[in-house]
Amino acid sequence: MSKRTLDLKKTIYNLLNTISAGYCYEAENHYRTNLDRWISSMLLLNFGQQVGGYMNFEEAEDSGSSAHVVGMWLNEGEFAYDALSNVFTFQMKDDVGNIRQVRYGNPKPANFEDAEKLVIEGVAEGDHFVAHNILVKCPSKYNDARGLQEYEAEPTSNS
């Protein structure tokens, strides 16, 4: 787990403990105090498991938790969709240069081939990465100089 993730978990834990400790002095009902602490603990536990942050493939493997990995799909590598198992697989290179096979339990996302960047959320399992979500970041036509020129050349009507 990355240092930033651990620091965030400690901060949240301390904040929730401080909030629930404040109720200890002010609450007249002992059961309410325990309920507040239990709720705070459950929030921390559930939130803490989902905090993975942005990592490369190696950091995701080391953490053993859910992670976001940013990279590019390798268009020279194969990608395939198996309709029977509903699994889309492809090769991805993270921003550091690590390459892994990614398995996604859904069909291929729209505009996948046009992707400028991918952000995948999931967990590392052995020599591959199991993605639960894929965010496809496509280039904007306004970032392309030709697209911008075409946009500026369009006639405007002043009626």
N, C-alpha and C. Protein backbone atom coordinates (compact mmCIF):
# COMPACT_ATOMS: atom_id res chain seq x y z
N MET A 1 0.86 -1.17 0.00
CA MET A 1 0.00 0.00 0.00
C MET A 1 0.90 1.23 0.00
N SER A 2 0.53 2.23 -0.76
CA SER A 2 1.36 3.41 -0.88
C SER A 2 1.32 4.24 0.40
N LYS A 3 2.36 5.04 0.62
CA LYS A 3 2.45 5.88 1.82
C LYS A 3 1.30 6.88 1.85
N ARG A 4 0.94 7.41 0.67
CA ARG A 4 -0.14 8.40 0.61
C ARG A 4 -1.47 7.77 1.05
N THR A 5 -1.71 6.54 0.65
CA THR A 5 -2.93 5.85 1.04
C THR A 5 -2.95 5.60 2.54
N LEU A 6 -1.81 5.17 3.10
CA LEU A 6 -1.74 4.94 4.55
C LEU A 6 -1.97 6.24 5.32
N ASP A 7 -1.36 7.33 4.86
CA ASP A 7 -1.54 8.63 5.52
C ASP A 7 -3.01 9.05 5.48
N LEU A 8 -3.68 8.83 4.34
CA LEU A 8 -5.09 9.18 4.22
C LEU A 8 -5.94 8.35 5.16
N LYS A 9 -5.66 7.06 5.25
CA LYS A 9 -6.42 6.19 6.16
C LYS A 9 -6.23 6.61 7.61
N LYS A 10 -4.98 6.94 7.99
CA LYS A 10 -4.72 7.39 9.37
C LYS A 10 -5.45 8.69 9.67
N THR A 11 -5.46 9.62 8.73
CA THR A 11 -6.15 10.90 8.92
C THR A 11 -7.64 10.68 9.10
N ILE A 12 -8.23 9.84 8.27
CA ILE A 12 -9.67 9.57 8.38
C ILE A 12 -9.97 8.88 9.71
N TYR A 13 -9.14 7.92 10.08
CA TYR A 13 -9.34 7.22 11.35
C TYR A 13 -9.28 8.20 12.52
N ASN A 14 -8.27 9.07 12.54
CA ASN A 14 -8.14 10.05 13.62
C ASN A 14 -9.33 11.02 13.64
N LEU A 15 -9.78 11.45 12.48
CA LEU A 15 -10.92 12.36 12.40
C LEU A 15 -12.18 11.69 12.96
N LEU A 16 -12.44 10.47 12.52
CA LEU A 16 -13.64 9.77 13.00
C LEU A 16 -13.55 9.45 14.49
N ASN A 17 -12.36 9.12 14.98
CA ASN A 17 -12.18 8.88 16.41
C ASN A 17 -12.42 10.15 17.22
N THR A 18 -11.94 11.28 16.70
CA THR A 18 -12.14 12.56 17.40
C THR A 18 -13.62 12.90 17.45
N ILE A 19 -14.33 12.69 16.36
CA ILE A 19 -15.76 12.97 16.33
C ILE A 19 -16.50 12.09 17.32
N SER A 20 -16.21 10.79 17.29
CA SER A 20 -16.93 9.89 18.19
C SER A 20 -16.51 10.10 19.64
N ALA A 21 -15.26 10.50 19.90
CA ALA A 21 -14.82 10.77 21.27
C ALA A 21 -15.54 11.99 21.84
N GLY A 22 -15.84 12.97 20.99
CA GLY A 22 -16.57 14.15 21.44
C GLY A 22 -17.95 13.78 21.95
N TYR A 23 -18.57 12.79 21.34
CA TYR A 23 -19.88 12.34 21.79
C TYR A 23 -19.80 11.66 23.16
N CYS A 24 -18.65 11.06 23.46
CA CYS A 24 -18.52 10.36 24.75
C CYS A 24 -18.75 11.31 25.92
N TYR A 25 -18.24 12.53 25.82
CA TYR A 25 -18.35 13.48 26.92
C TYR A 25 -19.72 14.14 26.96
N GLU A 26 -20.35 14.26 25.79
CA GLU A 26 -21.60 15.00 25.73
C GLU A 26 -22.83 14.10 25.74
N ALA A 27 -22.68 12.87 25.33
CA ALA A 27 -23.84 11.99 25.22
C ALA A 27 -24.29 11.53 26.59
N GLU A 28 -25.61 11.52 26.77
CA GLU A 28 -26.15 11.03 28.03
C GLU A 28 -26.44 9.54 27.95
N ASN A 29 -26.59 9.05 26.74
CA ASN A 29 -26.94 7.66 26.55
C ASN A 29 -25.71 6.86 26.13
N HIS A 30 -25.34 5.91 26.94
CA HIS A 30 -24.16 5.09 26.66
C HIS A 30 -24.29 4.35 25.34
N TYR A 31 -25.49 3.88 25.02
CA TYR A 31 -25.69 3.11 23.80
C TYR A 31 -25.50 3.99 22.56
N ARG A 32 -25.90 5.25 22.64
CA ARG A 32 -25.71 6.16 21.51
C ARG A 32 -24.22 6.36 21.23
N THR A 33 -23.42 6.49 22.29
CA THR A 33 -21.98 6.65 22.14
C THR A 33 -21.38 5.45 21.43
N ASN A 34 -21.77 4.25 21.85
CA ASN A 34 -21.24 3.05 21.22
C ASN A 34 -21.71 2.93 19.77
N LEU A 35 -22.95 3.32 19.51
CA LEU A 35 -23.47 3.28 18.16
C LEU A 35 -22.69 4.23 17.26
N ASP A 36 -22.40 5.43 17.75
CA ASP A 36 -21.62 6.41 16.98
C ASP A 36 -20.23 5.86 16.66
N ARG A 37 -19.61 5.23 17.64
CA ARG A 37 -18.28 4.65 17.40
C ARG A 37 -18.36 3.51 16.39
N TRP A 38 -19.41 2.71 16.49
CA TRP A 38 -19.57 1.59 15.56
C TRP A 38 -19.77 2.11 14.15
N ILE A 39 -20.63 3.12 13.99
CA ILE A 39 -20.88 3.71 12.66
C ILE A 39 -19.59 4.31 12.11
N SER A 40 -18.86 5.03 12.93
CA SER A 40 -17.59 5.62 12.49
C SER A 40 -16.61 4.55 12.05
N SER A 41 -16.55 3.47 12.81
CA SER A 41 -15.64 2.37 12.46
C SER A 41 -16.04 1.72 11.15
N MET A 42 -17.33 1.52 10.93
CA MET A 42 -17.79 0.90 9.69
C MET A 42 -17.51 1.80 8.48
N LEU A 43 -17.71 3.11 8.66
CA LEU A 43 -17.40 4.04 7.58
C LEU A 43 -15.92 3.98 7.22
N LEU A 44 -15.08 3.98 8.23
CA LEU A 44 -13.65 3.90 8.01
C LEU A 44 -13.27 2.60 7.32
N LEU A 45 -13.81 1.51 7.80
CA LEU A 45 -13.49 0.21 7.22
C LEU A 45 -13.90 0.15 5.76
N ASN A 46 -15.12 0.55 5.44
CA ASN A 46 -15.60 0.49 4.06
C ASN A 46 -14.89 1.48 3.17
N PHE A 47 -14.68 2.70 3.64
CA PHE A 47 -14.00 3.71 2.84
C PHE A 47 -12.53 3.35 2.67
N GLY A 48 -11.93 2.89 3.74
CA GLY A 48 -10.51 2.56 3.72
C GLY A 48 -10.17 1.46 2.73
N GLN A 49 -11.06 0.50 2.52
CA GLN A 49 -10.79 -0.58 1.59
C GLN A 49 -10.87 -0.10 0.15
N GLN A 50 -11.60 0.97 -0.11
CA GLN A 50 -11.75 1.45 -1.46
C GLN A 50 -10.71 2.49 -1.84
N VAL A 51 -9.96 2.97 -0.88
CA VAL A 51 -8.95 3.98 -1.18
C VAL A 51 -7.72 3.26 -1.70
N GLY A 52 -7.46 3.39 -2.98
CA GLY A 52 -6.31 2.75 -3.56
C GLY A 52 -5.39 3.76 -4.19
N GLY A 53 -5.96 4.81 -4.72
CA GLY A 53 -5.16 5.85 -5.35
C GLY A 53 -4.66 5.42 -6.71
N TYR A 54 -3.91 6.31 -7.36
CA TYR A 54 -3.33 6.04 -8.66
C TYR A 54 -1.98 5.38 -8.45
N MET A 55 -1.79 4.24 -9.11
CA MET A 55 -0.56 3.47 -8.98
C MET A 55 -0.15 2.95 -10.34
N ASN A 56 1.07 2.45 -10.43
CA ASN A 56 1.44 1.70 -11.62
C ASN A 56 1.18 0.22 -11.32
N PHE A 57 1.42 -0.66 -12.29
CA PHE A 57 1.09 -2.07 -12.10
C PHE A 57 1.87 -2.70 -10.94
N GLU A 58 3.15 -2.37 -10.81
CA GLU A 58 3.96 -2.95 -9.73
C GLU A 58 3.45 -2.52 -8.36
N GLU A 59 3.11 -1.24 -8.21
CA GLU A 59 2.59 -0.76 -6.93
C GLU A 59 1.24 -1.41 -6.62
N ALA A 60 0.42 -1.61 -7.64
CA ALA A 60 -0.88 -2.26 -7.45
C ALA A 60 -0.69 -3.70 -6.97
N GLU A 61 0.30 -4.40 -7.54
CA GLU A 61 0.60 -5.77 -7.11
C GLU A 61 1.06 -5.79 -5.66
N ASP A 62 1.94 -4.85 -5.31
CA ASP A 62 2.47 -4.80 -3.94
C ASP A 62 1.39 -4.45 -2.92
N SER A 63 0.45 -3.59 -3.30
CA SER A 63 -0.56 -3.14 -2.35
C SER A 63 -1.58 -4.23 -2.04
N GLY A 64 -1.93 -5.02 -3.03
CA GLY A 64 -2.94 -6.06 -2.82
C GLY A 64 -4.34 -5.51 -2.68
N SER A 65 -4.50 -4.20 -2.87
CA SER A 65 -5.83 -3.59 -2.75
C SER A 65 -6.26 -3.04 -4.10
N SER A 66 -7.46 -2.49 -4.13
CA SER A 66 -7.98 -1.89 -5.35
C SER A 66 -7.14 -0.67 -5.72
N ALA A 67 -6.89 -0.51 -7.01
CA ALA A 67 -6.04 0.59 -7.47
C ALA A 67 -6.54 1.12 -8.79
N HIS A 68 -6.17 2.36 -9.08
CA HIS A 68 -6.40 2.99 -10.38
C HIS A 68 -5.05 3.01 -11.10
N VAL A 69 -5.02 2.49 -12.33
CA VAL A 69 -3.79 2.49 -13.11
C VAL A 69 -4.06 3.27 -14.40
N VAL A 70 -3.17 4.20 -14.71
CA VAL A 70 -3.29 5.03 -15.91
C VAL A 70 -2.29 4.52 -16.93
N GLY A 71 -2.73 4.43 -18.18
CA GLY A 71 -1.82 3.98 -19.23
C GLY A 71 -2.48 3.99 -20.59
N MET A 72 -1.85 3.25 -21.50
CA MET A 72 -2.30 3.14 -22.89
C MET A 72 -2.46 1.67 -23.23
N TRP A 73 -3.47 1.35 -24.04
CA TRP A 73 -3.56 -0.02 -24.53
C TRP A 73 -2.57 -0.17 -25.67
N LEU A 74 -1.99 -1.33 -25.79
CA LEU A 74 -1.01 -1.59 -26.83
C LEU A 74 -1.74 -2.02 -28.08
N ASN A 75 -1.77 -1.14 -29.08
CA ASN A 75 -2.52 -1.47 -30.29
C ASN A 75 -1.82 -2.51 -31.15
N GLU A 76 -0.52 -2.77 -30.89
CA GLU A 76 0.13 -3.86 -31.61
C GLU A 76 -0.19 -5.20 -30.94
N GLY A 77 -0.67 -5.17 -29.72
CA GLY A 77 -1.10 -6.38 -29.04
C GLY A 77 -2.55 -6.70 -29.40
N GLU A 78 -2.94 -7.93 -29.14
CA GLU A 78 -4.31 -8.32 -29.46
C GLU A 78 -5.26 -7.90 -28.35
N PHE A 79 -6.48 -7.62 -28.75
CA PHE A 79 -7.55 -7.50 -27.76
C PHE A 79 -8.68 -8.38 -28.25
N ALA A 80 -9.40 -8.97 -27.29
CA ALA A 80 -10.43 -9.93 -27.66
C ALA A 80 -11.56 -9.88 -26.65
N TYR A 81 -12.74 -10.25 -27.13
CA TYR A 81 -13.91 -10.34 -26.27
C TYR A 81 -14.45 -11.76 -26.37
N ASP A 82 -14.57 -12.42 -25.23
CA ASP A 82 -15.14 -13.76 -25.17
C ASP A 82 -16.58 -13.63 -24.69
N ALA A 83 -17.52 -13.82 -25.62
CA ALA A 83 -18.94 -13.63 -25.30
C ALA A 83 -19.45 -14.67 -24.30
N LEU A 84 -18.89 -15.88 -24.32
CA LEU A 84 -19.35 -16.91 -23.39
C LEU A 84 -19.04 -16.57 -21.94
N SER A 85 -17.84 -16.08 -21.70
CA SER A 85 -17.48 -15.71 -20.33
C SER A 85 -17.66 -14.23 -20.05
N ASN A 86 -18.04 -13.45 -21.08
CA ASN A 86 -18.24 -12.00 -20.95
C ASN A 86 -16.98 -11.31 -20.41
N VAL A 87 -15.83 -11.62 -21.04
CA VAL A 87 -14.56 -11.04 -20.61
C VAL A 87 -13.85 -10.43 -21.81
N PHE A 88 -13.48 -9.16 -21.66
CA PHE A 88 -12.70 -8.43 -22.65
C PHE A 88 -11.26 -8.39 -22.16
N THR A 89 -10.30 -8.81 -22.98
CA THR A 89 -8.89 -8.81 -22.58
C THR A 89 -8.07 -7.98 -23.56
N PHE A 90 -7.05 -7.32 -23.02
CA PHE A 90 -6.14 -6.51 -23.84
C PHE A 90 -4.84 -6.30 -23.07
N GLN A 91 -3.83 -5.83 -23.77
CA GLN A 91 -2.53 -5.51 -23.18
C GLN A 91 -2.48 -4.01 -22.91
N MET A 92 -1.97 -3.64 -21.74
CA MET A 92 -1.88 -2.23 -21.39
C MET A 92 -0.49 -1.92 -20.84
N LYS A 93 0.00 -0.74 -21.20
CA LYS A 93 1.29 -0.24 -20.71
C LYS A 93 1.01 0.93 -19.78
N ASP A 94 1.46 0.84 -18.51
CA ASP A 94 1.21 1.95 -17.58
C ASP A 94 2.19 3.09 -17.87
N ASP A 95 2.04 4.20 -17.14
CA ASP A 95 2.85 5.39 -17.39
C ASP A 95 4.34 5.19 -17.09
N VAL A 96 4.68 4.13 -16.33
CA VAL A 96 6.08 3.85 -16.01
C VAL A 96 6.71 2.93 -17.06
N GLY A 97 5.86 2.20 -17.80
CA GLY A 97 6.36 1.31 -18.84
C GLY A 97 6.09 -0.16 -18.59
N ASN A 98 5.46 -0.50 -17.45
CA ASN A 98 5.12 -1.89 -17.16
C ASN A 98 3.96 -2.33 -18.06
N ILE A 99 4.03 -3.54 -18.57
CA ILE A 99 2.99 -4.06 -19.44
C ILE A 99 2.32 -5.26 -18.77
N ARG A 100 0.99 -5.25 -18.77
CA ARG A 100 0.22 -6.36 -18.19
C ARG A 100 -0.99 -6.65 -19.07
N GLN A 101 -1.46 -7.89 -18.97
CA GLN A 101 -2.73 -8.23 -19.58
C GLN A 101 -3.82 -7.75 -18.64
N VAL A 102 -4.86 -7.13 -19.21
CA VAL A 102 -6.00 -6.64 -18.42
C VAL A 102 -7.21 -7.46 -18.81
N ARG A 103 -7.93 -7.91 -17.80
CA ARG A 103 -9.18 -8.65 -18.01
C ARG A 103 -10.32 -7.83 -17.42
N TYR A 104 -11.31 -7.59 -18.26
CA TYR A 104 -12.45 -6.74 -17.89
C TYR A 104 -13.73 -7.55 -18.09
N GLY A 105 -14.52 -7.71 -17.05
CA GLY A 105 -15.72 -8.53 -17.08
C GLY A 105 -16.91 -7.87 -17.73
N ASN A 106 -16.71 -7.26 -18.88
CA ASN A 106 -17.76 -6.60 -19.65
C ASN A 106 -17.30 -6.53 -21.10
N PRO A 107 -18.20 -6.17 -22.02
CA PRO A 107 -17.76 -5.98 -23.41
C PRO A 107 -16.79 -4.81 -23.53
N LYS A 108 -16.15 -4.73 -24.68
CA LYS A 108 -15.20 -3.66 -24.96
C LYS A 108 -15.90 -2.30 -24.85
N PRO A 109 -15.32 -1.35 -24.13
CA PRO A 109 -15.92 -0.01 -24.01
C PRO A 109 -15.99 0.69 -25.37
N ALA A 110 -16.97 1.56 -25.50
CA ALA A 110 -17.11 2.36 -26.73
C ALA A 110 -15.87 3.24 -26.89
N ASN A 111 -15.47 3.46 -28.13
CA ASN A 111 -14.32 4.30 -28.48
C ASN A 111 -13.00 3.79 -27.92
N PHE A 112 -12.93 2.50 -27.62
CA PHE A 112 -11.71 1.94 -27.04
C PHE A 112 -10.51 2.15 -27.96
N GLU A 113 -10.69 1.91 -29.27
CA GLU A 113 -9.58 2.03 -30.20
C GLU A 113 -9.10 3.48 -30.35
N ASP A 114 -9.96 4.46 -30.06
CA ASP A 114 -9.61 5.87 -30.17
C ASP A 114 -8.99 6.43 -28.90
N ALA A 115 -8.84 5.60 -27.88
CA ALA A 115 -8.41 6.07 -26.57
C ALA A 115 -7.04 6.72 -26.61
N GLU A 116 -6.98 7.88 -26.00
CA GLU A 116 -5.72 8.59 -25.81
C GLU A 116 -5.04 8.06 -24.55
N LYS A 117 -5.84 7.78 -23.54
CA LYS A 117 -5.39 7.23 -22.26
C LYS A 117 -6.50 6.35 -21.73
N LEU A 118 -6.12 5.41 -20.87
CA LEU A 118 -7.08 4.58 -20.14
C LEU A 118 -6.81 4.72 -18.66
N VAL A 119 -7.87 4.74 -17.88
CA VAL A 119 -7.75 4.64 -16.43
C VAL A 119 -8.55 3.41 -16.05
N ILE A 120 -7.87 2.42 -15.50
CA ILE A 120 -8.56 1.20 -15.11
C ILE A 120 -8.54 1.10 -13.59
N GLU A 121 -9.65 0.63 -13.05
CA GLU A 121 -9.77 0.43 -11.61
C GLU A 121 -9.98 -1.05 -11.37
N GLY A 122 -9.18 -1.63 -10.50
CA GLY A 122 -9.32 -3.04 -10.22
C GLY A 122 -8.21 -3.53 -9.32
N VAL A 123 -7.90 -4.83 -9.42
CA VAL A 123 -6.88 -5.44 -8.56
C VAL A 123 -5.94 -6.30 -9.41
N ALA A 124 -4.70 -6.37 -8.97
CA ALA A 124 -3.71 -7.22 -9.62
C ALA A 124 -3.88 -8.64 -9.11
N GLU A 125 -3.91 -9.59 -10.04
CA GLU A 125 -4.01 -11.00 -9.67
C GLU A 125 -2.98 -11.77 -10.48
N GLY A 126 -1.86 -12.08 -9.84
CA GLY A 126 -0.81 -12.81 -10.53
C GLY A 126 -0.17 -11.99 -11.63
N ASP A 127 -0.16 -12.54 -12.86
CA ASP A 127 0.49 -11.86 -13.97
C ASP A 127 -0.46 -10.98 -14.77
N HIS A 128 -1.69 -10.80 -14.29
CA HIS A 128 -2.65 -9.95 -15.01
C HIS A 128 -3.37 -9.02 -14.03
N PHE A 129 -4.15 -8.10 -14.58
CA PHE A 129 -4.88 -7.12 -13.79
C PHE A 129 -6.36 -7.29 -14.10
N VAL A 130 -7.18 -7.44 -13.07
CA VAL A 130 -8.62 -7.59 -13.26
C VAL A 130 -9.27 -6.22 -13.05
N ALA A 131 -9.80 -5.67 -14.14
CA ALA A 131 -10.40 -4.34 -14.10
C ALA A 131 -11.90 -4.45 -13.79
N HIS A 132 -12.35 -3.62 -12.85
CA HIS A 132 -13.77 -3.53 -12.53
C HIS A 132 -14.42 -2.39 -13.31
N ASN A 133 -13.64 -1.35 -13.59
CA ASN A 133 -14.11 -0.19 -14.35
C ASN A 133 -13.00 0.26 -15.30
N ILE A 134 -13.42 0.78 -16.45
CA ILE A 134 -12.47 1.35 -17.41
C ILE A 134 -12.98 2.72 -17.83
N LEU A 135 -12.14 3.71 -17.68
CA LEU A 135 -12.45 5.06 -18.16
C LEU A 135 -11.62 5.29 -19.42
N VAL A 136 -12.30 5.53 -20.53
CA VAL A 136 -11.63 5.77 -21.81
C VAL A 136 -11.54 7.27 -22.02
N LYS A 137 -10.32 7.77 -22.13
CA LYS A 137 -10.11 9.20 -22.35
C LYS A 137 -9.74 9.40 -23.81
N CYS A 138 -10.69 9.89 -24.58
CA CYS A 138 -10.48 10.09 -26.02
C CYS A 138 -10.02 11.51 -26.29
N PRO A 139 -9.28 11.70 -27.38
CA PRO A 139 -8.84 13.05 -27.72
C PRO A 139 -10.04 13.90 -28.14
N SER A 140 -10.00 15.14 -27.79
CA SER A 140 -11.06 16.06 -28.16
C SER A 140 -10.75 16.66 -29.52
N LYS A 141 -11.79 16.88 -30.30
CA LYS A 141 -11.55 17.50 -31.61
C LYS A 141 -11.06 18.93 -31.47
N TYR A 142 -11.27 19.54 -30.30
CA TYR A 142 -10.82 20.91 -30.09
C TYR A 142 -9.37 20.98 -29.66
N ASN A 143 -8.80 19.84 -29.23
CA ASN A 143 -7.37 19.79 -28.92
C ASN A 143 -6.55 19.61 -30.18
N ASP A 144 -7.18 19.08 -31.21
CA ASP A 144 -6.51 18.86 -32.49
C ASP A 144 -6.55 20.18 -33.27
N ALA A 145 -5.42 20.63 -33.76
CA ALA A 145 -5.35 21.91 -34.47
C ALA A 145 -6.28 21.92 -35.68
N ARG A 146 -6.35 20.80 -36.41
CA ARG A 146 -7.22 20.73 -37.58
C ARG A 146 -8.68 20.86 -37.17
N GLY A 147 -9.06 20.17 -36.10
CA GLY A 147 -10.44 20.26 -35.61
C GLY A 147 -10.78 21.67 -35.17
N LEU A 148 -9.84 22.34 -34.54
CA LEU A 148 -10.05 23.71 -34.09
C LEU A 148 -10.22 24.64 -35.29
N GLN A 149 -9.42 24.44 -36.33
CA GLN A 149 -9.54 25.27 -37.54
C GLN A 149 -10.89 25.05 -38.21
N GLU A 150 -11.34 23.80 -38.26
CA GLU A 150 -12.65 23.51 -38.86
C GLU A 150 -13.76 24.18 -38.05
N TYR A 151 -13.63 24.16 -36.71
CA TYR A 151 -14.62 24.79 -35.85
C TYR A 151 -14.66 26.29 -36.07
N GLU A 152 -13.47 26.91 -36.16
CA GLU A 152 -13.40 28.36 -36.35
C GLU A 152 -13.88 28.77 -37.73
N ALA A 153 -13.76 27.89 -38.73
CA ALA A 153 -14.15 28.21 -40.10
C ALA A 153 -15.65 28.09 -40.32
N GLU A 154 -16.37 27.46 -39.38
CA GLU A 154 -17.81 27.32 -39.54
C GLU A 154 -18.48 28.68 -39.53
N PRO A 155 -19.40 28.91 -40.48
CA PRO A 155 -20.08 30.22 -40.50
C PRO A 155 -21.03 30.34 -39.31
N THR A 156 -21.11 31.54 -38.79
CA THR A 156 -22.04 31.79 -37.70
C THR A 156 -23.17 32.66 -38.22
N SER A 157 -24.35 32.40 -37.72
CA SER A 157 -25.50 33.20 -38.16
C SER A 157 -25.84 34.21 -37.09
N ASN A 158 -26.00 35.45 -37.48
CA ASN A 158 -26.37 36.52 -36.55
C ASN A 158 -27.79 36.98 -36.85
N SER A 159 -28.74 36.16 -36.50
CA SER A 159 -30.12 36.53 -36.79
C SER A 159 -30.85 36.94 -35.56
